[in-house]
Structure formats: structure tokens, C-alpha cells
Amino acid sequence: MPRQLVARIPGHHIATVKSQGWLGVKNGRLLDLIEQAAFEAFLTNDKRMDKEQHLTERPFAVLVLSTNHWETLEPHVPRIVSAIDRCRPGIVSKIDCGTGL
């Protein structure tokens, strides 16, 4: 996710794949690491993840954003924050923010 988005999500501890040292880790292993680190939610723009992985069995929520393009996401920050605030473990939510560039 863009670092600008991370800065606009109040009241939550936010980490990125990069800040965790997980760049290049593939989906299944990445989900295991997220679970082991006890994160409550995972934001991604991988639209295939819910079809390729067993997400409903995970103890964290998955929020799939339609893009990771900051200029496209920015107007939707309130919706994204609201989705994070109400997310529940094992639930996959899709947030349509447009497609960006």
C-alpha cells in the first residue's frame, strides 16, 4: 500500500510488507507471517487472493482494495478507514476505489 495511505489511518498500528522485511514473500507464506505477527487486518490489492487462498480460516480480516494508486485511493480514505474499523477476522471485504493508472 502507498505510504501516504499508512499515514492517513488513525488509531491503528500499521506495518507494511516492506517495513516487516517481507518483500518478495509469496501469498501463502505471507499470510502465515501476518497470522504469526497477530495482525488484525491485511490490506491488499491482489484481487485473486480470495480465490487462491483460504482466507476465511485466518484469524484476521482481509480488505482487498481495487488499486494501490495513491491519487485514486486518496478520495476513498474515509471508506477505507471505516472498513478497517469494522472488519472482522475471517471476513474478506472488497473496497472499490476505482482503478488508477
Protein backbone atom coordinates (compact mmCIF):
# COMPACT_ATOMS: atom_id res chain seq x y z
CA MET A 1 0.00 0.00 0.00
CA PRO A 2 1.18 3.54 -0.58
CA ARG A 3 2.94 5.13 2.40
CA GLN A 4 0.53 8.07 2.12
CA LEU A 5 -2.34 5.73 2.99
CA VAL A 6 -0.49 4.39 6.03
CA ALA A 7 -0.13 7.95 7.32
CA ARG A 8 -3.89 8.57 6.96
CA ILE A 9 -5.16 5.65 9.05
CA PRO A 10 -5.52 6.92 12.62
CA GLY A 11 -5.83 4.81 15.72
CA HIS A 12 -4.23 1.68 14.31
CA HIS A 13 -0.72 0.25 14.37
CA ILE A 14 0.17 -0.02 10.69
CA ALA A 15 3.01 -2.01 9.20
CA THR A 16 3.86 -2.62 5.59
CA VAL A 17 5.25 -5.73 3.97
CA LYS A 18 8.42 -3.72 3.39
CA SER A 19 8.72 -2.49 6.99
CA GLN A 20 8.28 -6.08 8.22
CA GLY A 21 11.05 -7.31 5.90
CA TRP A 22 8.61 -9.50 3.98
CA LEU A 23 9.17 -8.15 0.45
CA GLY A 24 9.16 -10.98 -2.07
CA VAL A 25 7.35 -13.40 0.26
CA LYS A 26 4.63 -15.28 -1.64
CA ASN A 27 0.95 -15.18 -0.64
CA GLY A 28 0.61 -18.38 1.42
CA ARG A 29 3.77 -17.74 3.43
CA LEU A 30 2.89 -14.04 3.72
CA LEU A 31 -0.49 -14.92 5.21
CA ASP A 32 1.24 -17.24 7.70
CA LEU A 33 3.58 -14.40 8.74
CA ILE A 34 0.64 -12.00 9.14
CA GLU A 35 -1.08 -14.56 11.34
CA GLN A 36 2.03 -15.23 13.44
CA ALA A 37 2.51 -11.49 13.96
CA ALA A 38 -1.12 -11.29 15.21
CA PHE A 39 -2.22 -8.55 12.82
CA GLU A 40 -5.95 -7.89 12.86
CA ALA A 41 -6.27 -6.95 9.18
CA PHE A 42 -4.41 -7.22 5.91
CA LEU A 43 -4.90 -4.67 3.12
CA THR A 44 -4.01 -5.76 -0.38
CA ASN A 45 -4.89 -5.02 -3.96
CA ASP A 46 -4.41 -8.65 -5.05
CA LYS A 47 -7.86 -9.31 -6.48
CA ARG A 48 -7.19 -13.04 -6.92
CA MET A 49 -6.13 -13.68 -3.34
CA ASP A 50 -9.59 -14.64 -2.08
CA LYS A 51 -9.86 -17.24 -4.86
CA GLU A 52 -6.34 -18.62 -4.40
CA GLN A 53 -6.10 -18.72 -0.60
CA HIS A 54 -8.27 -19.98 2.27
CA LEU A 55 -8.84 -16.58 3.88
CA THR A 56 -11.96 -17.34 5.89
CA GLU A 57 -9.90 -19.67 8.10
CA ARG A 58 -7.49 -16.90 9.08
CA PRO A 59 -7.72 -15.00 12.39
CA PHE A 60 -7.51 -11.65 10.62
CA ALA A 61 -9.63 -9.71 8.16
CA VAL A 62 -8.60 -9.15 4.55
CA LEU A 63 -9.50 -5.92 2.80
CA VAL A 64 -8.99 -6.01 -0.96
CA LEU A 65 -8.62 -2.55 -2.47
CA SER A 66 -9.28 -2.16 -6.18
CA THR A 67 -5.99 -0.27 -6.66
CA ASN A 68 -2.85 0.80 -4.84
CA HIS A 69 -2.54 4.04 -6.84
CA TRP A 70 -2.46 6.83 -4.24
CA GLU A 71 -4.17 9.55 -6.28
CA THR A 72 -7.05 7.17 -6.92
CA LEU A 73 -7.21 5.93 -3.31
CA GLU A 74 -7.00 9.32 -1.64
CA PRO A 75 -10.67 10.37 -2.03
CA HIS A 76 -11.69 6.98 -0.60
CA VAL A 77 -9.59 7.14 2.59
CA PRO A 78 -12.66 7.64 4.84
CA ARG A 79 -14.28 4.48 3.38
CA ILE A 80 -11.05 2.53 3.80
CA VAL A 81 -10.67 3.66 7.42
CA SER A 82 -14.31 2.79 8.10
CA ALA A 83 -13.80 -0.68 6.61
CA ILE A 84 -10.72 -1.21 8.79
CA ASP A 85 -12.61 -0.06 11.88
CA ARG A 86 -15.44 -2.55 11.34
CA CYS A 87 -13.54 -5.52 9.85
CA ARG A 88 -13.78 -8.94 11.48
CA PRO A 89 -11.46 -11.98 11.44
CA GLY A 90 -12.02 -14.37 8.57
CA ILE A 91 -14.01 -11.86 6.53
CA VAL A 92 -12.86 -10.69 3.11
CA SER A 93 -14.14 -7.23 2.15
CA LYS A 94 -13.67 -5.65 -1.25
CA ILE A 95 -13.40 -1.87 -1.46
CA ASP A 96 -13.93 -0.37 -4.90
CA CYS A 97 -11.82 2.78 -5.16
CA GLY A 98 -11.54 2.85 -8.94
CA THR A 99 -8.65 1.52 -10.94
CA GLY A 100 -5.99 4.22 -11.04
CA LEU A 101 -3.19 4.17 -13.56
